Amino acid sequence: MTLVNVHHVSGRFERAEEEAERAIRLARESDDLLPVCWARNARGIIALYQNRHADGEEHLSRAIEHFRALGDRPGVAAALCNLSRIHLATGRTQSAVALAQEGIDIYDAMGNSLRGANARYALGLALTQSGELHSAAERLQEALEVFRDSRQRLWEGMSLFRLAEVDLAARRAARAAANAEMALTVLRGIGGEWRRGNVLTVLGRALSGIGQTGRAQVCWQEAAGIYDELGSPEAAEVRALLSPVQAA
C-alpha cells in the first residue's frame, strides 16, 4: 500500500489504481483480508478523483462491510468518510453529511485526532455543498489546525483550498484569494498537477471577484493547460471562464 499512497499523494491516480489492484491480488493470494479492505478503500477514493462514482461506491461499500466483519473501526471510519465524498459528488448531500459525521464519531471515541481531522475535512466539504457555510468553515479550520500541527502538508494545503471555496460561496473574495494563495504555497512540490489546477481555478475566481481580472486569466490559463495535459474533464469548465463572454 505504500506505493498506492505515494502515487495518490503525487496525483498519479492511474498508477495508484494499478498498485491498489496489485495489492488486492497479493493479499488474496496470502488469504489476508485486511490489506484487501485498505486497497478497496484506496480504489474507492481514486475512482472519485477519476469521476467513476459507481465504481468508487462499490469499492467503498465492500470495504466498509469487510472492515466491520474484521472489527476494524478505523478502517470503517476511513471508508465512511470516503463514501461521504462519493455521495456528495452524486448529489446526496444529506447522506454525505451523515456518513462523515459517523466517521468523526468513531475517530473521536478512539481519541484519534489526526484521522478525526480527515473526517472533519470530509464533513466540511459536505456542509459547504449543503449551504451551511459557517459550520463548514469551523470544521475545515479544525482540520487545518491538526494537519498543520502534524506537518501534514498535503492536507494542510487542501484544507486551505477548501476554506477558499467556502469563502467564495460566502462572497468573501479577498479572503478566498488569500487562502488559495496559501494553499498553492503549501502544496508546492506535492499533491500533483491536478490538485494544483483545482486551486488555480478557485484562485482565479477569487481574483476576479476583487477585480484582478488579469491575474485571474493567468490562473485559469495555467489551470486549463494542466487539465488539457492530463485529459481532465475540468478543462471545459476553465475554458468557459476564459471565453470572451465570461471574461467580459
C-alpha atoms as a PDB file:
ATOM      1  CA  MET A   1       0.000   0.000   0.000  1.00  0.00           C
ATOM      2  CA  THR A   2       2.985   2.314   0.328  1.00  0.00           C
ATOM      3  CA  LEU A   3       3.241   2.785  -3.438  1.00  0.00           C
ATOM      4  CA  VAL A   4      -0.507   3.371  -3.651  1.00  0.00           C
ATOM      5  CA  ASN A   5      -0.195   6.228  -1.178  1.00  0.00           C
ATOM      6  CA  VAL A   6       2.879   7.691  -2.889  1.00  0.00           C
ATOM      7  CA  HIS A   7       1.150   7.808  -6.279  1.00  0.00           C
ATOM      8  CA  HIS A   8      -2.087   9.109  -4.730  1.00  0.00           C
ATOM      9  CA  VAL A   9      -0.360  11.976  -2.918  1.00  0.00           C
ATOM     10  CA  SER A  10       1.518  12.842  -6.116  1.00  0.00           C
ATOM     11  CA  GLY A  11      -1.696  12.940  -8.126  1.00  0.00           C
ATOM     12  CA  ARG A  12      -0.741   9.932 -10.284  1.00  0.00           C
ATOM     13  CA  PHE A  13      -4.135   8.296  -9.959  1.00  0.00           C
ATOM     14  CA  GLU A  14      -3.785   5.717 -12.742  1.00  0.00           C
ATOM     15  CA  ARG A  15      -0.560   4.418 -11.202  1.00  0.00           C
ATOM     16  CA  ALA A  16      -2.191   4.406  -7.768  1.00  0.00           C
ATOM     17  CA  GLU A  17      -5.082   2.354  -9.159  1.00  0.00           C
ATOM     18  CA  GLU A  18      -2.676  -0.162 -10.698  1.00  0.00           C
ATOM     19  CA  GLU A  19      -0.810  -0.568  -7.410  1.00  0.00           C
ATOM     20  CA  ALA A  20      -4.070  -0.959  -5.468  1.00  0.00           C
ATOM     21  CA  GLU A  21      -5.187  -3.725  -7.838  1.00  0.00           C
ATOM     22  CA  ARG A  22      -1.810  -5.407  -7.374  1.00  0.00           C
ATOM     23  CA  ALA A  23      -2.116  -5.131  -3.580  1.00  0.00           C
ATOM     24  CA  ILE A  24      -5.514  -6.833  -3.706  1.00  0.00           C
ATOM     25  CA  ARG A  25      -4.153  -9.716  -5.788  1.00  0.00           C
ATOM     26  CA  LEU A  26      -1.204 -10.260  -3.458  1.00  0.00           C
ATOM     27  CA  ALA A  27      -3.354 -10.080  -0.328  1.00  0.00           C
ATOM     28  CA  ARG A  28      -5.825 -12.582  -1.735  1.00  0.00           C
ATOM     29  CA  GLU A  29      -3.002 -14.971  -2.580  1.00  0.00           C
ATOM     30  CA  SER A  30      -1.919 -14.880   1.065  1.00  0.00           C
ATOM     31  CA  ASP A  31      -5.536 -15.028   2.295  1.00  0.00           C
ATOM     32  CA  ASP A  32      -5.128 -11.732   4.185  1.00  0.00           C
ATOM     33  CA  LEU A  33      -8.399  -9.781   4.169  1.00  0.00           C
ATOM     34  CA  LEU A  34      -7.258  -6.582   5.903  1.00  0.00           C
ATOM     35  CA  PRO A  35      -4.937  -5.347   3.113  1.00  0.00           C
ATOM     36  CA  VAL A  36      -7.741  -6.112   0.658  1.00  0.00           C
ATOM     37  CA  CYS A  37     -10.009  -3.794   2.645  1.00  0.00           C
ATOM     38  CA  TRP A  38      -7.484  -0.948   2.635  1.00  0.00           C
ATOM     39  CA  ALA A  39      -6.782  -1.416  -1.063  1.00  0.00           C
ATOM     40  CA  ARG A  40     -10.512  -1.268  -1.809  1.00  0.00           C
ATOM     41  CA  ASN A  41     -10.742   1.887   0.276  1.00  0.00           C
ATOM     42  CA  ALA A  42      -7.924   3.379  -1.804  1.00  0.00           C
ATOM     43  CA  ARG A  43      -9.566   2.325  -5.063  1.00  0.00           C
ATOM     44  CA  GLY A  44     -12.772   3.994  -3.902  1.00  0.00           C
ATOM     45  CA  ILE A  45     -11.194   7.404  -3.401  1.00  0.00           C
ATOM     46  CA  ILE A  46      -9.131   7.068  -6.593  1.00  0.00           C
ATOM     47  CA  ALA A  47     -12.353   6.349  -8.502  1.00  0.00           C
ATOM     48  CA  LEU A  48     -13.832   9.518  -7.001  1.00  0.00           C
ATOM     49  CA  TYR A  49     -10.955  11.587  -8.367  1.00  0.00           C
ATOM     50  CA  GLN A  50     -11.466   9.959 -11.777  1.00  0.00           C
ATOM     51  CA  ASN A  51     -15.245  10.636 -11.738  1.00  0.00           C
ATOM     52  CA  ARG A  52     -16.029   6.888 -11.672  1.00  0.00           C
ATOM     53  CA  HIS A  53     -18.573   7.260  -8.912  1.00  0.00           C
ATOM     54  CA  ALA A  54     -20.385   3.931  -9.281  1.00  0.00           C
ATOM     55  CA  ASP A  55     -17.083   2.041  -9.151  1.00  0.00           C
ATOM     56  CA  GLY A  56     -15.989   4.081  -6.151  1.00  0.00           C
ATOM     57  CA  GLU A  57     -19.203   3.413  -4.259  1.00  0.00           C
ATOM     58  CA  GLU A  58     -18.917  -0.326  -4.899  1.00  0.00           C
ATOM     59  CA  HIS A  59     -15.324  -0.460  -3.647  1.00  0.00           C
ATOM     60  CA  LEU A  60     -16.088   1.580  -0.531  1.00  0.00           C
ATOM     61  CA  SER A  61     -19.278  -0.287   0.354  1.00  0.00           C
ATOM     62  CA  ARG A  62     -17.405  -3.591   0.196  1.00  0.00           C
ATOM     63  CA  ALA A  63     -14.533  -2.126   2.209  1.00  0.00           C
ATOM     64  CA  ILE A  64     -16.945  -0.991   4.938  1.00  0.00           C
ATOM     65  CA  GLU A  65     -18.626  -4.407   5.025  1.00  0.00           C
ATOM     66  CA  HIS A  66     -15.319  -6.230   5.405  1.00  0.00           C
ATOM     67  CA  PHE A  67     -13.811  -3.740   7.871  1.00  0.00           C
ATOM     68  CA  ARG A  68     -16.882  -4.242  10.062  1.00  0.00           C
ATOM     69  CA  ALA A  69     -16.559  -8.013   9.808  1.00  0.00           C
ATOM     70  CA  LEU A  70     -12.949  -7.694  10.986  1.00  0.00           C
ATOM     71  CA  GLY A  71     -13.856  -5.277  13.788  1.00  0.00           C
ATOM     72  CA  ASP A  72     -11.517  -2.631  12.328  1.00  0.00           C
ATOM     73  CA  ARG A  73     -13.120   0.620  13.492  1.00  0.00           C
ATOM     74  CA  PRO A  74     -10.512   2.997  11.998  1.00  0.00           C
ATOM     75  CA  GLY A  75     -10.972   1.254   8.661  1.00  0.00           C
ATOM     76  CA  VAL A  76     -14.742   1.621   8.866  1.00  0.00           C
ATOM     77  CA  ALA A  77     -14.410   5.329   9.653  1.00  0.00           C
ATOM     78  CA  ALA A  78     -11.963   5.952   6.802  1.00  0.00           C
ATOM     79  CA  ALA A  79     -14.199   4.258   4.254  1.00  0.00           C
ATOM     80  CA  LEU A  80     -17.306   6.034   5.600  1.00  0.00           C
ATOM     81  CA  CYS A  81     -15.645   9.414   5.082  1.00  0.00           C
ATOM     82  CA  ASN A  82     -14.605   8.490   1.560  1.00  0.00           C
ATOM     83  CA  LEU A  83     -18.104   7.197   0.825  1.00  0.00           C
ATOM     84  CA  SER A  84     -19.384  10.558   2.078  1.00  0.00           C
ATOM     85  CA  ARG A  85     -17.441  12.206  -0.723  1.00  0.00           C
ATOM     86  CA  ILE A  86     -18.943   9.829  -3.299  1.00  0.00           C
ATOM     87  CA  HIS A  87     -22.434  10.698  -2.045  1.00  0.00           C
ATOM     88  CA  LEU A  88     -21.539  14.378  -2.225  1.00  0.00           C
ATOM     89  CA  ALA A  89     -20.298  14.076  -5.806  1.00  0.00           C
ATOM     90  CA  THR A  90     -23.558  12.382  -6.809  1.00  0.00           C
ATOM     91  CA  GLY A  91     -25.871  14.931  -5.189  1.00  0.00           C
ATOM     92  CA  ARG A  92     -26.753  13.057  -1.987  1.00  0.00           C
ATOM     93  CA  THR A  93     -25.765  15.867   0.335  1.00  0.00           C
ATOM     94  CA  GLN A  94     -27.781  14.852   3.394  1.00  0.00           C
ATOM     95  CA  SER A  95     -26.369  11.331   3.476  1.00  0.00           C
ATOM     96  CA  ALA A  96     -22.884  12.724   2.791  1.00  0.00           C
ATOM     97  CA  VAL A  97     -23.134  14.806   5.965  1.00  0.00           C
ATOM     98  CA  ALA A  98     -24.385  11.811   7.970  1.00  0.00           C
ATOM     99  CA  LEU A  99     -21.616   9.494   6.738  1.00  0.00           C
ATOM    100  CA  ALA A 100     -18.868  11.991   7.541  1.00  0.00           C
ATOM    101  CA  GLN A 101     -20.337  12.644  10.988  1.00  0.00           C
ATOM    102  CA  GLU A 102     -20.388   8.895  11.655  1.00  0.00           C
ATOM    103  CA  GLY A 103     -16.693   8.798  10.781  1.00  0.00           C
ATOM    104  CA  ILE A 104     -15.976  11.675  13.181  1.00  0.00           C
ATOM    105  CA  ASP A 105     -17.863   9.933  15.979  1.00  0.00           C
ATOM    106  CA  ILE A 106     -15.766   6.773  15.567  1.00  0.00           C
ATOM    107  CA  TYR A 107     -12.445   8.613  15.485  1.00  0.00           C
ATOM    108  CA  ASP A 108     -13.334  10.877  18.411  1.00  0.00           C
ATOM    109  CA  ALA A 109     -14.367   7.875  20.506  1.00  0.00           C
ATOM    110  CA  MET A 110     -10.933   6.393  19.806  1.00  0.00           C
ATOM    111  CA  GLY A 111      -9.086   9.636  20.546  1.00  0.00           C
ATOM    112  CA  ASN A 112      -7.541   9.693  17.066  1.00  0.00           C
ATOM    113  CA  SER A 113      -7.138  13.414  16.372  1.00  0.00           C
ATOM    114  CA  LEU A 114      -5.306  13.149  13.044  1.00  0.00           C
ATOM    115  CA  ARG A 115      -7.813  10.759  11.500  1.00  0.00           C
ATOM    116  CA  GLY A 116     -10.537  12.852  13.076  1.00  0.00           C
ATOM    117  CA  ALA A 117      -9.174  15.797  11.107  1.00  0.00           C
ATOM    118  CA  ASN A 118      -9.607  13.818   7.888  1.00  0.00           C
ATOM    119  CA  ALA A 119     -13.210  13.158   8.868  1.00  0.00           C
ATOM    120  CA  ARG A 120     -13.785  16.837   9.669  1.00  0.00           C
ATOM    121  CA  TYR A 121     -12.370  17.686   6.259  1.00  0.00           C
ATOM    122  CA  ALA A 122     -14.953  15.377   4.645  1.00  0.00           C
ATOM    123  CA  LEU A 123     -17.735  16.880   6.761  1.00  0.00           C
ATOM    124  CA  GLY A 124     -16.588  20.379   5.815  1.00  0.00           C
ATOM    125  CA  LEU A 125     -16.991  19.516   2.133  1.00  0.00           C
ATOM    126  CA  ALA A 126     -20.494  18.166   2.677  1.00  0.00           C
ATOM    127  CA  LEU A 127     -21.566  21.167   4.761  1.00  0.00           C
ATOM    128  CA  THR A 128     -20.219  23.536   2.107  1.00  0.00           C
ATOM    129  CA  GLN A 129     -22.375  21.928  -0.561  1.00  0.00           C
ATOM    130  CA  SER A 130     -25.411  21.929   1.727  1.00  0.00           C
ATOM    131  CA  GLY A 131     -25.010  25.687   2.213  1.00  0.00           C
ATOM    132  CA  GLU A 132     -24.066  25.509   5.895  1.00  0.00           C
ATOM    133  CA  LEU A 133     -21.046  27.708   5.313  1.00  0.00           C
ATOM    134  CA  HIS A 134     -20.344  28.787   8.895  1.00  0.00           C
ATOM    135  CA  SER A 135     -20.293  25.195  10.143  1.00  0.00           C
ATOM    136  CA  ALA A 136     -18.258  24.134   7.105  1.00  0.00           C
ATOM    137  CA  ALA A 137     -15.615  26.761   7.849  1.00  0.00           C
ATOM    138  CA  GLU A 138     -15.470  25.667  11.501  1.00  0.00           C
ATOM    139  CA  ARG A 139     -14.910  22.011  10.614  1.00  0.00           C
ATOM    140  CA  LEU A 140     -12.295  22.841   7.971  1.00  0.00           C
ATOM    141  CA  GLN A 141     -10.477  25.201  10.332  1.00  0.00           C
ATOM    142  CA  GLU A 142     -10.394  22.468  12.982  1.00  0.00           C
ATOM    143  CA  ALA A 143      -8.950  20.071  10.426  1.00  0.00           C
ATOM    144  CA  LEU A 144      -6.417  22.650   9.221  1.00  0.00           C
ATOM    145  CA  GLU A 145      -5.035  23.212  12.714  1.00  0.00           C
ATOM    146  CA  VAL A 146      -4.468  19.485  13.272  1.00  0.00           C
ATOM    147  CA  PHE A 147      -2.894  18.992   9.846  1.00  0.00           C
ATOM    148  CA  ARG A 148      -0.605  21.973  10.374  1.00  0.00           C
ATOM    149  CA  ASP A 149       0.471  20.811  13.835  1.00  0.00           C
ATOM    150  CA  SER A 150       1.069  17.294  12.467  1.00  0.00           C
ATOM    151  CA  ARG A 151       3.027  18.626   9.461  1.00  0.00           C
ATOM    152  CA  GLN A 152       0.639  17.006   7.017  1.00  0.00           C
ATOM    153  CA  ARG A 153       1.415  19.398   4.170  1.00  0.00           C
ATOM    154  CA  LEU A 154      -0.879  17.845   1.588  1.00  0.00           C
ATOM    155  CA  TRP A 155      -3.913  18.043   3.835  1.00  0.00           C
ATOM    156  CA  GLU A 156      -2.935  21.438   5.223  1.00  0.00           C
ATOM    157  CA  GLY A 157      -2.880  22.760   1.675  1.00  0.00           C
ATOM    158  CA  MET A 158      -6.122  21.050   0.731  1.00  0.00           C
ATOM    159  CA  SER A 159      -7.864  22.434   3.828  1.00  0.00           C
ATOM    160  CA  LEU A 160      -6.772  25.945   2.836  1.00  0.00           C
ATOM    161  CA  PHE A 161      -8.119  25.295  -0.653  1.00  0.00           C
ATOM    162  CA  ARG A 162     -11.471  24.126   0.719  1.00  0.00           C
ATOM    163  CA  LEU A 163     -11.643  27.162   3.014  1.00  0.00           C
ATOM    164  CA  ALA A 164     -11.121  29.302  -0.088  1.00  0.00           C
ATOM    165  CA  GLU A 165     -14.129  27.567  -1.658  1.00  0.00           C
ATOM    166  CA  VAL A 166     -16.215  28.349   1.437  1.00  0.00           C
ATOM    167  CA  ASP A 167     -15.090  31.980   1.314  1.00  0.00           C
ATOM    168  CA  LEU A 168     -16.081  32.233  -2.347  1.00  0.00           C
ATOM    169  CA  ALA A 169     -19.513  30.789  -1.612  1.00  0.00           C
ATOM    170  CA  ALA A 170     -19.887  33.330   1.217  1.00  0.00           C
ATOM    171  CA  ARG A 171     -18.833  36.178  -1.132  1.00  0.00           C
ATOM    172  CA  ARG A 172     -15.592  36.826   0.736  1.00  0.00           C
ATOM    173  CA  ALA A 173     -13.427  37.036  -2.369  1.00  0.00           C
ATOM    174  CA  ALA A 174     -10.403  38.701  -0.758  1.00  0.00           C
ATOM    175  CA  ARG A 175     -10.205  36.047   1.960  1.00  0.00           C
ATOM    176  CA  ALA A 176     -10.731  33.336  -0.645  1.00  0.00           C
ATOM    177  CA  ALA A 177      -7.790  34.666  -2.652  1.00  0.00           C
ATOM    178  CA  ALA A 178      -5.571  34.727   0.441  1.00  0.00           C
ATOM    179  CA  ASN A 179      -6.435  31.137   1.373  1.00  0.00           C
ATOM    180  CA  ALA A 180      -5.987  29.893  -2.197  1.00  0.00           C
ATOM    181  CA  GLU A 181      -2.591  31.579  -2.466  1.00  0.00           C
ATOM    182  CA  MET A 182      -1.519  29.995   0.823  1.00  0.00           C
ATOM    183  CA  ALA A 183      -2.737  26.631  -0.482  1.00  0.00           C
ATOM    184  CA  LEU A 184      -0.556  26.975  -3.587  1.00  0.00           C
ATOM    185  CA  THR A 185       2.451  27.763  -1.406  1.00  0.00           C
ATOM    186  CA  VAL A 186       1.897  24.809   0.935  1.00  0.00           C
ATOM    187  CA  LEU A 187       1.228  22.407  -1.947  1.00  0.00           C
ATOM    188  CA  ARG A 188       4.312  23.402  -3.920  1.00  0.00           C
ATOM    189  CA  GLY A 189       6.041  20.189  -4.963  1.00  0.00           C
ATOM    190  CA  ILE A 190       3.358  17.854  -3.567  1.00  0.00           C
ATOM    191  CA  GLY A 191      -0.187  16.855  -4.441  1.00  0.00           C
ATOM    192  CA  GLY A 192       0.259  16.648  -8.199  1.00  0.00           C
ATOM    193  CA  GLU A 193      -0.765  18.897 -11.056  1.00  0.00           C
ATOM    194  CA  TRP A 194      -4.473  18.039 -10.934  1.00  0.00           C
ATOM    195  CA  ARG A 195      -4.802  19.463  -7.432  1.00  0.00           C
ATOM    196  CA  ARG A 196      -2.750  22.498  -8.462  1.00  0.00           C
ATOM    197  CA  GLY A 197      -5.196  23.068 -11.313  1.00  0.00           C
ATOM    198  CA  ASN A 198      -8.116  22.963  -8.870  1.00  0.00           C
ATOM    199  CA  VAL A 199      -6.510  25.554  -6.599  1.00  0.00           C
ATOM    200  CA  LEU A 200      -5.616  27.804  -9.526  1.00  0.00           C
ATOM    201  CA  THR A 201      -9.215  27.691 -10.751  1.00  0.00           C
ATOM    202  CA  VAL A 202     -10.542  28.820  -7.371  1.00  0.00           C
ATOM    203  CA  LEU A 203      -7.817  31.449  -7.032  1.00  0.00           C
ATOM    204  CA  GLY A 204      -8.822  32.817 -10.437  1.00  0.00           C
ATOM    205  CA  ARG A 205     -12.451  33.095  -9.337  1.00  0.00           C
ATOM    206  CA  ALA A 206     -11.403  34.882  -6.156  1.00  0.00           C
ATOM    207  CA  LEU A 207      -9.132  37.308  -8.004  1.00  0.00           C
ATOM    208  CA  SER A 208     -11.899  38.023 -10.495  1.00  0.00           C
ATOM    209  CA  GLY A 209     -14.183  38.773  -7.555  1.00  0.00           C
ATOM    210  CA  ILE A 210     -11.846  41.511  -6.303  1.00  0.00           C
ATOM    211  CA  GLY A 211     -11.375  42.996  -9.759  1.00  0.00           C
ATOM    212  CA  GLN A 212      -7.979  41.491 -10.594  1.00  0.00           C
ATOM    213  CA  THR A 213      -9.149  40.053 -13.907  1.00  0.00           C
ATOM    214  CA  GLY A 214      -5.701  39.944 -15.496  1.00  0.00           C
ATOM    215  CA  ARG A 215      -4.287  37.757 -12.736  1.00  0.00           C
ATOM    216  CA  ALA A 216      -7.463  35.663 -12.812  1.00  0.00           C
ATOM    217  CA  GLN A 217      -6.968  34.967 -16.523  1.00  0.00           C
ATOM    218  CA  VAL A 218      -3.365  33.900 -15.907  1.00  0.00           C
ATOM    219  CA  CYS A 219      -4.544  31.424 -13.238  1.00  0.00           C
ATOM    220  CA  TRP A 220      -7.234  29.994 -15.500  1.00  0.00           C
ATOM    221  CA  GLN A 221      -4.856  29.699 -18.459  1.00  0.00           C
ATOM    222  CA  GLU A 222      -2.397  27.720 -16.339  1.00  0.00           C
ATOM    223  CA  ALA A 223      -5.193  25.541 -14.938  1.00  0.00           C
ATOM    224  CA  ALA A 224      -6.567  24.882 -18.432  1.00  0.00           C
ATOM    225  CA  GLY A 225      -3.118  23.837 -19.620  1.00  0.00           C
ATOM    226  CA  ILE A 226      -2.780  21.419 -16.701  1.00  0.00           C
ATOM    227  CA  TYR A 227      -6.204  19.882 -17.298  1.00  0.00           C
ATOM    228  CA  ASP A 228      -5.603  19.599 -21.052  1.00  0.00           C
ATOM    229  CA  GLU A 229      -2.333  17.780 -20.465  1.00  0.00           C
ATOM    230  CA  LEU A 230      -3.986  15.398 -18.014  1.00  0.00           C
ATOM    231  CA  GLY A 231      -7.080  14.912 -20.163  1.00  0.00           C
ATOM    232  CA  SER A 232      -9.239  16.015 -17.226  1.00  0.00           C
ATOM    233  CA  PRO A 233     -12.920  16.954 -17.729  1.00  0.00           C
ATOM    234  CA  GLU A 234     -12.382  20.134 -15.679  1.00  0.00           C
ATOM    235  CA  ALA A 235     -10.713  21.658 -18.746  1.00  0.00           C
ATOM    236  CA  ALA A 236     -14.082  22.569 -20.289  1.00  0.00           C
ATOM    237  CA  GLU A 237     -15.175  24.491 -17.184  1.00  0.00           C
ATOM    238  CA  VAL A 238     -11.988  26.530 -17.124  1.00  0.00           C
ATOM    239  CA  ARG A 239     -12.154  27.167 -20.880  1.00  0.00           C
ATOM    240  CA  ALA A 240     -15.609  28.658 -20.290  1.00  0.00           C
ATOM    241  CA  LEU A 241     -14.106  31.056 -17.749  1.00  0.00           C
ATOM    242  CA  LEU A 242     -11.575  32.094 -20.373  1.00  0.00           C
ATOM    243  CA  SER A 243     -14.204  32.691 -23.063  1.00  0.00           C
ATOM    244  CA  PRO A 244     -14.785  36.319 -24.147  1.00  0.00           C
ATOM    245  CA  VAL A 245     -18.375  36.261 -22.889  1.00  0.00           C
ATOM    246  CA  GLN A 246     -17.390  35.007 -19.431  1.00  0.00           C
ATOM    247  CA  ALA A 247     -14.402  37.316 -19.122  1.00  0.00           C
ATOM    248  CA  ALA A 248     -16.343  40.441 -20.158  1.00  0.00           C
END
